[in-house]
Amino acid sequence: MGECGELNSLVSLLNYFIMFIGEYSHNLDTKGRMAIPAKFRNMLKKGAVVTKGLDNCLFLYPKEKWEEMAQKFANLPIGQAKARAFARHLLAGAIEIDFDNQGRINLPEYLRKFAGFKKGVIVAGLYDRLEIWDEGAWDKYKKGTEKDSSEIAEALGELGI
């Protein structure tokens, strides 16, 4: 195998190890702490950032990925109101998080309130990020998208996916 082939194999292997997939159910404790699935903690050991996401969930990014995204937001044209609004939504709502000895993170009240968290939460892996949902909101969202999955697949097919 040539040098390029070896490099491509290495990149594929690294991407495999930083891919978040799956759906996991957890509970918030009375202090707003929740466990992150053990299989993801190693991928987040260099740090992580949680922010307000879309559809009233939270996004959790590895710190390196967050820094890439933040740079892109910093380069958006400040003269465009929608670009400013989206950057504010994600950047102003963000917080760096640390894990305790039990693999839990502490979600600030403003993020729990934004996402409508009660007790049960779902952690969903979406390749380069985790989404954290209120359990009831996730169930409602999933039922809607599962019902419309054929239409969604058709629309994505038109995009070449």
Protein backbone atom coordinates (compact mmCIF):
# COMPACT_ATOMS: atom_id res chain seq x y z
CA MET A 1 0.00 0.00 0.00
CA GLY A 2 1.36 3.42 -0.93
CA GLU A 3 1.86 6.35 1.41
CA CYS A 4 -1.50 7.93 0.45
CA GLY A 5 -3.34 4.64 1.02
CA GLU A 6 -1.81 4.27 4.47
CA LEU A 7 -2.71 7.85 5.33
CA ASN A 8 -6.32 7.36 4.16
CA SER A 9 -6.58 4.19 6.26
CA LEU A 10 -5.28 6.03 9.30
CA VAL A 11 -7.74 8.90 8.79
CA SER A 12 -10.61 6.40 8.45
CA LEU A 13 -9.51 4.66 11.62
CA LEU A 14 -9.32 7.94 13.53
CA ASN A 15 -12.76 8.98 12.28
CA TYR A 16 -14.13 5.64 13.50
CA PHE A 17 -12.94 6.36 17.00
CA ILE A 18 -14.42 9.87 17.16
CA MET A 19 -17.84 8.99 15.84
CA PHE A 20 -20.78 9.38 18.19
CA ILE A 21 -23.69 7.04 17.45
CA GLY A 22 -26.52 5.51 19.44
CA GLU A 23 -29.29 6.53 21.81
CA TYR A 24 -28.91 6.38 25.60
CA SER A 25 -31.35 7.09 28.42
CA HIS A 26 -30.16 8.85 31.60
CA ASN A 27 -31.59 10.84 34.48
CA LEU A 28 -30.75 14.27 35.83
CA ASP A 29 -30.11 14.36 39.55
CA THR A 30 -31.39 17.15 41.81
CA LYS A 31 -28.21 19.17 41.19
CA GLY A 32 -28.59 19.08 37.39
CA ARG A 33 -25.91 16.44 36.84
CA MET A 34 -26.15 13.65 34.32
CA ALA A 35 -23.91 10.83 33.21
CA ILE A 36 -22.43 10.79 29.74
CA PRO A 37 -22.30 7.25 28.31
CA ALA A 38 -19.00 5.62 29.22
CA LYS A 39 -18.18 4.80 25.58
CA PHE A 40 -18.07 8.55 24.80
CA ARG A 41 -16.05 9.80 27.76
CA ASN A 42 -12.69 8.85 26.29
CA MET A 43 -13.51 10.82 23.14
CA LEU A 44 -14.25 13.85 25.33
CA LYS A 45 -11.27 13.67 27.68
CA LYS A 46 -9.61 16.72 26.04
CA GLY A 47 -12.65 18.79 26.97
CA ALA A 48 -16.17 19.43 25.79
CA VAL A 49 -18.60 22.29 25.24
CA VAL A 50 -22.37 22.22 25.71
CA THR A 51 -24.59 24.81 24.07
CA LYS A 52 -28.17 25.52 23.07
CA GLY A 53 -28.96 23.42 20.05
CA LEU A 54 -31.79 23.30 17.57
CA ASP A 55 -35.25 21.81 18.12
CA ASN A 56 -34.94 22.63 21.85
CA CYS A 57 -32.16 20.17 22.57
CA LEU A 58 -28.59 20.75 23.70
CA PHE A 59 -25.50 20.11 21.58
CA LEU A 60 -22.36 18.67 23.17
CA TYR A 61 -19.18 18.93 21.11
CA PRO A 62 -15.63 17.74 21.74
CA LYS A 63 -13.58 20.86 22.44
CA GLU A 64 -11.53 20.54 19.22
CA LYS A 65 -14.67 20.34 17.07
CA TRP A 66 -16.22 23.25 18.97
CA GLU A 67 -13.17 25.41 18.32
CA GLU A 68 -13.48 24.70 14.57
CA MET A 69 -17.15 25.66 14.61
CA ALA A 70 -16.60 28.77 16.72
CA GLN A 71 -14.03 29.97 14.19
CA LYS A 72 -16.58 29.55 11.41
CA PHE A 73 -19.11 31.60 13.39
CA ALA A 74 -16.51 34.28 13.98
CA ASN A 75 -16.08 34.53 10.21
CA LEU A 76 -19.78 35.03 9.48
CA PRO A 77 -20.71 38.45 8.11
CA ILE A 78 -21.80 40.58 11.07
CA GLY A 79 -23.89 42.69 8.71
CA GLN A 80 -26.39 39.84 8.28
CA ALA A 81 -28.99 39.68 11.04
CA LYS A 82 -29.62 35.92 10.72
CA ALA A 83 -25.90 35.15 10.89
CA ARG A 84 -25.59 37.27 14.05
CA ALA A 85 -28.66 35.66 15.59
CA PHE A 86 -27.44 32.12 14.95
CA ALA A 87 -23.94 32.87 16.24
CA ARG A 88 -25.43 34.43 19.38
CA HIS A 89 -27.69 31.43 19.90
CA LEU A 90 -24.83 28.94 19.82
CA LEU A 91 -21.92 30.97 21.20
CA ALA A 92 -23.58 32.94 24.00
CA GLY A 93 -25.34 29.80 25.23
CA ALA A 94 -22.15 27.72 25.32
CA ILE A 95 -20.23 26.54 28.36
CA GLU A 96 -17.14 24.37 28.76
CA ILE A 97 -17.87 21.36 30.90
CA ASP A 98 -15.84 19.05 33.08
CA PHE A 99 -16.51 15.48 34.10
CA ASP A 100 -16.61 14.44 37.74
CA ASN A 101 -15.12 11.14 38.95
CA GLN A 102 -18.35 9.33 38.08
CA GLY A 103 -18.42 10.56 34.46
CA ARG A 104 -21.15 13.13 35.07
CA ILE A 105 -21.46 16.66 33.78
CA ASN A 106 -23.29 19.50 35.51
CA LEU A 107 -25.71 21.29 33.20
CA PRO A 108 -26.38 24.89 34.21
CA GLU A 109 -29.97 25.87 34.95
CA TYR A 110 -30.26 28.14 31.89
CA LEU A 111 -29.47 25.19 29.58
CA ARG A 112 -31.80 22.80 31.44
CA LYS A 113 -34.57 25.40 31.22
CA PHE A 114 -33.94 26.02 27.49
CA ALA A 115 -34.24 22.29 26.74
CA GLY A 116 -37.24 21.80 29.06
CA PHE A 117 -35.50 19.07 31.05
CA LYS A 118 -37.47 17.38 33.75
CA LYS A 119 -35.76 14.20 34.97
CA GLY A 120 -35.30 11.77 32.10
CA VAL A 121 -32.96 12.76 29.28
CA ILE A 122 -31.82 11.09 26.09
CA VAL A 123 -28.25 11.33 24.80
CA ALA A 124 -28.22 10.80 21.03
CA GLY A 125 -24.99 10.38 19.10
CA LEU A 126 -24.94 12.26 15.80
CA TYR A 127 -21.50 11.54 14.34
CA ASP A 128 -19.51 14.61 15.44
CA ARG A 129 -21.69 15.72 18.36
CA LEU A 130 -24.06 14.50 21.01
CA GLU A 131 -27.56 15.87 21.39
CA ILE A 132 -29.17 15.90 24.81
CA TRP A 133 -32.97 15.90 24.80
CA ASP A 134 -35.74 15.89 27.35
CA GLU A 135 -37.10 12.34 27.20
CA GLY A 136 -40.66 13.41 26.35
CA ALA A 137 -39.53 15.85 23.66
CA TRP A 138 -37.28 13.17 22.11
CA ASP A 139 -40.14 10.66 21.99
CA LYS A 140 -42.40 13.21 20.30
CA TYR A 141 -39.69 14.23 17.82
CA LYS A 142 -38.83 10.61 17.00
CA LYS A 143 -42.45 9.64 16.39
CA GLY A 144 -42.85 12.54 13.97
CA THR A 145 -39.69 11.81 12.02
CA GLU A 146 -40.31 8.06 11.95
CA LYS A 147 -43.78 8.72 10.54
CA ASP A 148 -42.27 10.96 7.83
CA SER A 149 -39.16 8.84 7.19
CA SER A 150 -40.09 8.01 3.58
CA GLU A 151 -40.54 11.68 2.70
CA ILE A 152 -37.32 12.59 4.48
CA ALA A 153 -35.40 9.85 2.64
CA GLU A 154 -36.81 11.03 -0.70
CA ALA A 155 -35.77 14.64 -0.02
CA LEU A 156 -32.27 13.51 0.96
CA GLY A 157 -32.10 11.37 -2.18
CA GLU A 158 -32.58 14.53 -4.20
CA LEU A 159 -29.50 15.93 -2.44
CA GLY A 160 -27.45 12.89 -3.47
CA ILE A 161 -27.55 11.07 -0.13
